[in-house]
Amino acid sequence: MIYDIAVLGLGPSGSSFLKRIEGKGFKIIAFDKDNFPRKKVCAGGLTPKAYRLLEKLFPGIDEVVRVQSKKFVFINNSLKVEVNFNETLTYLTDRQELDNFLFDSISNSYFEIHTGEKVLSLCKENKIWKIETDKDIYKAKVIIVADGVNSKVARQFKVKRDIGFTYEADIEHSWNDTILIDFSNFSWGYYWIFPKGDFITTGLGELKRKAFDLKEKLFRFNRKFGIEGKIKHQSGFPIPVGKTRNDVYRNNVLFLGDAGGLVDPFTGEGIYYAVKSGVISAEIVMKAFEKGNLDILKLYKELIDESMGKEFFWARTVGNLFFRFKRLNFYVLEKEPSIQKLTTSLLTGEISYKQGVKKFFKLLPKLLVRS
């Protein structure tokens, strides 16, 4: 049997692809190397734009939101700034619960789903892709690669991604609803505390360089903030960061989310871009099959670079300005309500990075006069 589409990976990007395309009459097979529910250590924060996108695709997403945070505390050495907002800045989830909710929301009647089956490689034969797993061999016309940063297929195709590194831990510890971010002693990264109700996720990452001491550094930060308790789970892993031009398409093979390196290079936010790439890829696949022309799939890269690549460029621009002048930025953030408002607008996705840069430089003359 030759399937129309094979989906490799059933996290946020793969599940979103399937949700968008379900009921359209395609023969689809989907794989995930794990069985659900599966554990995944992750900050698990949904920005409002990510929450809105998921809510539209998966009604009822509220049931896996553990905490809604309206307050951030930013720290850089001796400097500390609190940013409050009237509405939710971040929706906090446990990734095990989130991914399981998304998986359960997919109707098995539309798809053939294989969990606990690992995809090993792809091979092209007469315009059809042969999929080799640890259990069998399958065939499909189009491949959706959504199996994360450690994707074997992404490595097989030598997908070009910039890689940073993180280390995270879920810890049984009581905490309020405030998110804490500490930028002290990072070249391009930060330490975080994300509350999840009966536990917290602490973590840190360097997004632009290799770091080999992250585990030790994480627990130094935990001691700094008095974080102690039973460790439920901990792990370190690479994290890709998005670029202006992203390597996301190869001959009817589309790379989504982390597999394609689609992560905010400033904040490390990945869930929004995973879900959005799932939606974009589903729409272009439907169009290609409708027109009977799979060459249309090449447009996927153009759409990703247009909708995400430009934003990644401006995210890097903001990151360069922020990390190069951290102390100055903290001083301005502490003293200027207008900058705090601008920060919350960026955090919530109300405005883009490009709009944020323009607004900042409009405010700059007034800030200089006040200083």
Protein backbone atom coordinates (compact mmCIF):
# COMPACT_ATOMS: atom_id res chain seq x y z
CA MET A 1 0.00 0.00 0.00
CA ILE A 2 1.21 3.50 -0.83
CA TYR A 3 0.04 6.22 1.56
CA ASP A 4 -0.52 9.80 0.46
CA ILE A 5 1.26 11.18 3.53
CA ALA A 6 3.45 9.82 6.30
CA VAL A 7 3.86 11.88 9.48
CA LEU A 8 6.95 11.23 11.58
CA GLY A 9 6.43 12.47 15.14
CA LEU A 10 3.24 13.31 17.05
CA GLY A 11 4.23 16.24 19.22
CA PRO A 12 2.71 19.71 18.74
CA SER A 13 3.79 20.08 15.08
CA GLY A 14 2.78 16.58 13.91
CA SER A 15 -0.49 16.63 15.85
CA SER A 16 -1.34 20.08 14.51
CA PHE A 17 -0.69 18.94 10.94
CA LEU A 18 -3.03 15.98 11.42
CA LYS A 19 -5.70 18.05 13.14
CA ARG A 20 -5.72 20.57 10.30
CA ILE A 21 -5.90 17.91 7.57
CA GLU A 22 -8.22 15.37 9.21
CA GLY A 23 -11.39 14.49 7.36
CA LYS A 24 -10.01 15.59 3.97
CA GLY A 25 -9.88 12.08 2.53
CA PHE A 26 -6.14 11.44 2.55
CA LYS A 27 -4.54 8.08 3.27
CA ILE A 28 -2.22 8.95 6.15
CA ILE A 29 0.08 6.92 8.34
CA ALA A 30 1.71 8.47 11.41
CA PHE A 31 4.52 7.33 13.68
CA ASP A 32 5.92 8.23 17.08
CA LYS A 33 8.82 6.40 18.70
CA ASP A 34 7.14 6.67 22.13
CA ASN A 35 3.84 5.52 23.54
CA PHE A 36 1.51 8.12 25.02
CA PRO A 37 1.46 9.53 27.61
CA ARG A 38 5.17 10.19 27.35
CA LYS A 39 7.42 12.29 29.55
CA LYS A 40 9.11 15.36 28.13
CA VAL A 41 10.93 17.89 30.27
CA CYS A 42 10.12 21.31 28.87
CA ALA A 43 9.44 24.80 30.19
CA GLY A 44 5.94 24.20 28.78
CA GLY A 45 5.05 27.86 28.47
CA LEU A 46 2.45 28.92 25.93
CA THR A 47 2.56 32.56 24.90
CA PRO A 48 -0.89 34.04 24.26
CA LYS A 49 -0.36 33.74 20.49
CA ALA A 50 0.52 30.04 20.93
CA TYR A 51 -2.46 29.51 23.22
CA ARG A 52 -4.84 31.18 20.74
CA LEU A 53 -3.53 29.07 17.86
CA LEU A 54 -3.83 25.84 19.84
CA GLU A 55 -7.28 26.76 21.17
CA LYS A 56 -8.52 27.24 17.61
CA LEU A 57 -7.22 23.82 16.54
CA PHE A 58 -7.86 21.94 19.78
CA PRO A 59 -10.88 23.28 21.70
CA GLY A 60 -10.62 22.43 25.38
CA ILE A 61 -6.89 23.15 25.65
CA ASP A 62 -7.65 24.87 28.98
CA GLU A 63 -7.86 21.50 30.68
CA VAL A 64 -4.08 21.11 30.47
CA VAL A 65 -3.22 24.68 31.52
CA ARG A 66 -1.93 24.41 35.09
CA VAL A 67 -1.09 28.06 35.81
CA GLN A 68 -1.81 31.39 34.14
CA SER A 69 0.97 33.85 34.94
CA LYS A 70 0.46 37.62 34.77
CA LYS A 71 3.80 38.58 36.27
CA PHE A 72 7.44 38.25 35.24
CA VAL A 73 10.46 38.95 37.42
CA PHE A 74 13.60 39.71 35.39
CA ILE A 75 17.02 39.60 37.06
CA ASN A 76 20.50 40.53 35.91
CA ASN A 77 23.07 40.28 38.70
CA SER A 78 22.02 42.93 41.26
CA LEU A 79 19.26 44.38 39.06
CA LYS A 80 15.68 43.18 39.42
CA VAL A 81 12.62 44.32 37.47
CA GLU A 82 9.01 43.21 37.92
CA VAL A 83 6.62 43.37 34.99
CA ASN A 84 2.89 43.00 35.70
CA PHE A 85 0.05 42.71 33.22
CA ASN A 86 -3.73 42.73 33.53
CA GLU A 87 -4.06 39.69 31.28
CA THR A 88 -2.23 36.38 31.08
CA LEU A 89 1.36 36.67 29.86
CA THR A 90 2.05 32.92 29.77
CA TYR A 91 -0.06 29.76 30.06
CA LEU A 92 1.96 27.09 31.89
CA THR A 93 1.56 23.42 30.97
CA ASP A 94 3.18 20.09 31.76
CA ARG A 95 4.43 18.86 28.38
CA GLN A 96 3.43 15.28 29.16
CA GLU A 97 -0.15 16.43 29.70
CA LEU A 98 -0.11 18.84 26.76
CA ASP A 99 1.27 16.35 24.25
CA ASN A 100 -1.09 13.63 25.46
CA PHE A 101 -4.07 16.00 25.12
CA LEU A 102 -3.07 16.83 21.53
CA PHE A 103 -2.55 13.16 20.73
CA ASP A 104 -5.93 12.17 22.20
CA SER A 105 -7.59 14.93 20.15
CA ILE A 106 -6.59 13.29 16.88
CA SER A 107 -9.29 10.99 15.51
CA ASN A 108 -7.85 7.54 14.82
CA SER A 109 -10.65 6.91 12.37
CA TYR A 110 -8.93 9.25 9.90
CA PHE A 111 -5.36 7.99 10.29
CA GLU A 112 -3.33 4.86 10.77
CA ILE A 113 -1.27 5.65 13.88
CA HIS A 114 1.76 3.65 15.03
CA THR A 115 3.18 4.56 18.44
CA GLY A 116 6.22 2.88 19.95
CA GLU A 117 7.69 2.56 16.45
CA LYS A 118 10.89 4.41 15.57
CA VAL A 119 11.55 5.71 12.05
CA LEU A 120 15.14 4.95 11.06
CA SER A 121 15.54 6.33 7.53
CA LEU A 122 13.97 7.32 4.22
CA CYS A 123 14.82 6.10 0.73
CA LYS A 124 13.40 7.36 -2.60
CA GLU A 125 12.19 4.79 -5.16
CA ASN A 126 10.42 5.94 -8.35
CA LYS A 127 9.02 9.15 -6.82
CA ILE A 128 7.79 7.24 -3.76
CA TRP A 129 9.43 7.42 -0.34
CA LYS A 130 10.21 4.15 1.40
CA ILE A 131 10.09 4.54 5.19
CA GLU A 132 12.18 2.12 7.22
CA THR A 133 11.22 1.74 10.88
CA ASP A 134 12.46 -0.61 13.59
CA LYS A 135 9.46 -2.82 12.82
CA ASP A 136 8.60 -2.67 9.12
CA ILE A 137 8.85 -0.79 5.81
CA TYR A 138 6.13 1.55 4.46
CA LYS A 139 5.66 3.74 1.39
CA ALA A 140 4.28 7.28 0.99
CA LYS A 141 4.24 10.11 -1.53
CA VAL A 142 4.82 12.96 0.96
CA ILE A 143 6.75 12.93 4.22
CA ILE A 144 6.06 15.25 7.17
CA VAL A 145 9.06 15.24 9.52
CA ALA A 146 7.93 16.40 12.95
CA ASP A 147 10.03 14.28 15.30
CA GLY A 148 11.97 17.04 17.05
CA VAL A 149 15.51 18.29 17.30
CA ASN A 150 16.95 14.76 17.52
CA SER A 151 15.21 13.66 14.31
CA LYS A 152 17.10 10.84 12.59
CA VAL A 153 15.64 11.93 9.26
CA ALA A 154 16.80 15.54 9.76
CA ARG A 155 20.29 14.17 10.39
CA GLN A 156 20.03 11.88 7.37
CA PHE A 157 19.19 14.86 5.15
CA LYS A 158 21.78 17.04 6.93
CA VAL A 159 19.23 19.74 7.67
CA LYS A 160 21.12 22.93 8.49
CA ARG A 161 20.14 24.19 11.95
CA ASP A 162 21.85 26.44 14.47
CA ILE A 163 21.92 24.56 17.75
CA GLY A 164 22.02 25.74 21.37
CA PHE A 165 21.74 23.66 24.54
CA THR A 166 19.47 23.52 27.58
CA TYR A 167 19.19 21.59 30.83
CA GLU A 168 15.90 21.37 32.74
CA ALA A 169 14.42 19.73 35.82
CA ASP A 170 10.89 19.19 37.18
CA ILE A 171 11.04 19.65 40.96
CA GLU A 172 8.39 19.23 43.66
CA HIS A 173 8.46 22.72 45.13
CA SER A 174 5.85 25.33 46.04
CA TRP A 175 6.01 28.60 44.13
CA ASN A 176 3.64 31.46 43.35
CA ASP A 177 2.28 32.20 39.89
CA THR A 178 5.23 34.43 38.95
CA ILE A 179 7.67 33.47 36.21
CA LEU A 180 11.28 34.27 37.09
CA ILE A 181 13.94 34.88 34.43
CA ASP A 182 17.60 35.44 35.39
CA PHE A 183 20.05 36.62 32.70
CA SER A 184 23.09 36.79 35.01
CA ASN A 185 26.29 35.34 33.50
CA PHE A 186 24.84 34.24 30.17
CA SER A 187 26.24 35.25 26.80
CA TRP A 188 22.92 34.57 25.03
CA GLY A 189 20.57 32.69 27.32
CA TYR A 190 18.89 32.68 30.72
CA TYR A 191 17.73 30.69 33.74
CA TRP A 192 14.01 30.26 34.39
CA ILE A 193 11.49 29.14 36.98
CA PHE A 194 8.10 28.16 35.55
CA PRO A 195 5.37 27.29 38.10
CA LYS A 196 3.20 24.26 37.36
CA GLY A 197 1.01 24.05 40.46
CA ASP A 198 2.34 21.14 42.53
CA PHE A 199 5.80 21.36 40.97
CA ILE A 200 8.04 23.79 39.08
CA THR A 201 10.20 23.47 36.02
CA THR A 202 13.61 25.10 36.35
CA GLY A 203 16.00 25.27 33.47
CA LEU A 204 18.61 27.25 31.64
CA GLY A 205 20.08 27.42 28.22
CA GLU A 206 22.69 28.99 25.99
CA LEU A 207 21.14 29.47 22.57
CA LYS A 208 24.20 30.46 20.56
CA ARG A 209 27.03 28.24 21.76
CA LYS A 210 27.89 24.83 23.15
CA ALA A 211 27.83 24.66 26.93
CA PHE A 212 29.09 21.68 28.88
CA ASP A 213 28.42 22.80 32.46
CA LEU A 214 24.67 23.42 32.23
CA LYS A 215 23.60 20.77 34.75
CA GLU A 216 25.97 22.08 37.41
CA LYS A 217 25.02 25.67 36.57
CA LEU A 218 21.30 24.87 36.84
CA PHE A 219 21.59 23.56 40.37
CA ARG A 220 23.75 26.54 41.39
CA PHE A 221 20.91 28.80 40.26
CA ASN A 222 18.38 26.60 42.05
CA ARG A 223 20.33 27.04 45.29
CA LYS A 224 20.49 30.78 44.67
CA PHE A 225 16.69 30.95 44.72
CA GLY A 226 16.16 28.37 47.46
CA ILE A 227 14.77 25.73 45.13
CA GLU A 228 14.86 22.32 46.76
CA GLY A 229 12.66 19.25 46.65
CA LYS A 230 12.27 15.89 44.97
CA ILE A 231 13.43 15.90 41.37
CA LYS A 232 10.70 14.29 39.28
CA HIS A 233 12.68 14.34 36.06
CA GLN A 234 15.74 16.05 34.61
CA SER A 235 17.54 16.06 31.29
CA GLY A 236 19.59 18.12 28.92
CA PHE A 237 19.05 18.42 25.20
CA PRO A 238 19.91 20.55 22.18
CA ILE A 239 17.58 23.30 21.04
CA PRO A 240 17.57 24.68 17.48
CA VAL A 241 17.15 28.36 16.72
CA GLY A 242 15.44 29.80 13.66
CA LYS A 243 17.08 31.72 10.84
CA THR A 244 16.03 34.14 8.13
CA ARG A 245 16.24 31.30 5.59
CA ASN A 246 15.33 27.90 6.99
CA ASP A 247 16.27 24.48 5.64
CA VAL A 248 12.78 22.93 5.77
CA TYR A 249 12.12 21.30 2.39
CA ARG A 250 13.73 18.45 0.42
CA ASN A 251 11.94 16.74 -2.51
CA ASN A 252 8.44 16.24 -1.02
CA VAL A 253 9.86 16.02 2.51
CA LEU A 254 8.73 18.86 4.81
CA PHE A 255 10.46 19.58 8.12
CA LEU A 256 8.30 21.04 10.91
CA GLY A 257 9.00 22.57 14.31
CA ASP A 258 12.29 21.64 15.96
CA ALA A 259 13.12 19.19 13.15
CA GLY A 260 13.32 22.22 10.85
CA GLY A 261 14.99 24.49 13.41
CA LEU A 262 11.87 26.65 13.84
CA VAL A 263 12.46 28.16 17.28
CA ASP A 264 12.59 31.81 18.39
CA PRO A 265 16.34 32.61 18.52
CA PHE A 266 15.89 35.20 21.28
CA THR A 267 13.50 33.58 23.77
CA GLY A 268 13.73 29.91 22.74
CA GLU A 269 9.96 29.68 22.24
CA GLY A 270 9.23 26.64 20.10
CA ILE A 271 5.64 25.46 20.61
CA TYR A 272 4.05 28.35 18.70
CA TYR A 273 6.28 27.80 15.67
CA ALA A 274 5.79 24.03 15.84
CA VAL A 275 2.01 24.41 15.72
CA LYS A 276 2.13 27.13 13.07
CA SER A 277 4.41 25.03 10.84
CA GLY A 278 1.91 22.18 11.24
CA VAL A 279 -0.90 24.40 9.98
CA ILE A 280 1.13 25.89 7.11
CA SER A 281 2.35 22.48 5.93
CA ALA A 282 -1.16 21.00 6.06
CA GLU A 283 -2.55 23.81 3.92
CA ILE A 284 0.20 23.55 1.29
CA VAL A 285 -0.12 19.73 1.18
CA MET A 286 -3.88 19.98 0.65
CA LYS A 287 -3.33 22.49 -2.16
CA ALA A 288 -0.70 20.29 -3.83
CA PHE A 289 -2.94 17.22 -3.86
CA GLU A 290 -5.96 19.28 -4.96
CA LYS A 291 -4.01 20.60 -7.96
CA GLY A 292 -2.46 17.18 -8.63
CA ASN A 293 0.97 18.76 -8.57
CA LEU A 294 3.34 17.89 -5.72
CA ASP A 295 5.85 20.48 -6.98
CA ILE A 296 3.62 22.98 -5.19
CA LEU A 297 5.11 21.64 -1.94
CA LYS A 298 8.22 23.72 -2.68
CA LEU A 299 6.17 26.73 -1.60
CA TYR A 300 6.36 25.45 2.00
CA LYS A 301 9.87 26.85 2.43
CA GLU A 302 8.81 30.21 0.97
CA LEU A 303 5.84 30.40 3.31
CA ILE A 304 7.97 29.49 6.34
CA ASP A 305 10.63 32.07 5.50
CA GLU A 306 7.97 34.70 4.83
CA SER A 307 5.94 34.07 8.00
CA MET A 308 8.73 33.03 10.38
CA GLY A 309 12.12 33.78 8.83
CA LYS A 310 11.61 37.53 8.89
CA GLU A 311 10.50 37.36 12.51
CA PHE A 312 13.57 35.26 13.38
CA PHE A 313 15.76 37.94 11.77
CA TRP A 314 14.24 40.64 13.96
CA ALA A 315 14.38 38.35 17.00
CA ARG A 316 18.13 38.03 16.48
CA THR A 317 18.37 41.81 16.09
CA VAL A 318 16.56 42.35 19.38
CA GLY A 319 18.70 39.67 21.01
CA ASN A 320 21.90 41.33 19.86
CA LEU A 321 20.76 44.67 21.24
CA PHE A 322 19.59 43.13 24.51
CA PHE A 323 22.51 40.86 25.34
CA ARG A 324 25.16 43.36 24.24
CA PHE A 325 23.70 46.07 26.47
CA LYS A 326 22.00 44.04 29.21
CA ARG A 327 22.70 46.45 32.07
CA LEU A 328 21.47 49.46 30.11
CA ASN A 329 18.37 47.57 28.99
CA PHE A 330 17.57 46.61 32.58
CA TYR A 331 17.99 50.20 33.71
CA VAL A 332 15.57 51.44 31.03
CA LEU A 333 13.12 48.60 31.73
CA GLU A 334 13.13 49.46 35.44
CA LYS A 335 12.69 53.23 34.98
CA GLU A 336 10.38 53.51 31.99
CA PRO A 337 6.73 52.31 32.09
CA SER A 338 6.58 52.73 28.30
CA ILE A 339 9.33 50.12 27.89
CA GLN A 340 7.58 47.79 30.31
CA LYS A 341 4.43 48.10 28.21
CA LEU A 342 6.46 47.44 25.06
CA THR A 343 7.99 44.37 26.71
CA THR A 344 4.60 42.90 27.61
CA SER A 345 3.38 43.55 24.07
CA LEU A 346 6.31 41.52 22.74
CA LEU A 347 5.86 38.77 25.33
CA THR A 348 2.18 38.34 24.49
CA GLY A 349 2.73 38.44 20.73
CA GLU A 350 0.55 41.52 20.43
CA ILE A 351 3.27 43.07 18.27
CA SER A 352 6.09 41.55 16.22
CA TYR A 353 9.80 42.02 16.90
CA LYS A 354 10.05 44.37 13.93
CA GLN A 355 7.23 46.51 15.30
CA GLY A 356 8.89 46.40 18.72
CA VAL A 357 12.19 47.68 17.32
CA LYS A 358 10.42 50.52 15.51
CA LYS A 359 8.47 51.48 18.64
CA PHE A 360 11.65 51.40 20.74
CA PHE A 361 13.54 53.77 18.44
CA LYS A 362 10.54 56.11 18.39
CA LEU A 363 10.69 56.19 22.18
CA LEU A 364 14.49 56.50 22.31
CA PRO A 365 14.76 60.32 21.99
CA LYS A 366 12.37 60.80 24.93
CA LEU A 367 14.26 58.19 26.96
CA LEU A 368 17.57 59.96 26.31
CA VAL A 369 16.11 63.32 27.34
CA ARG A 370 14.73 61.86 30.59
CA SER A 371 18.03 60.14 31.34
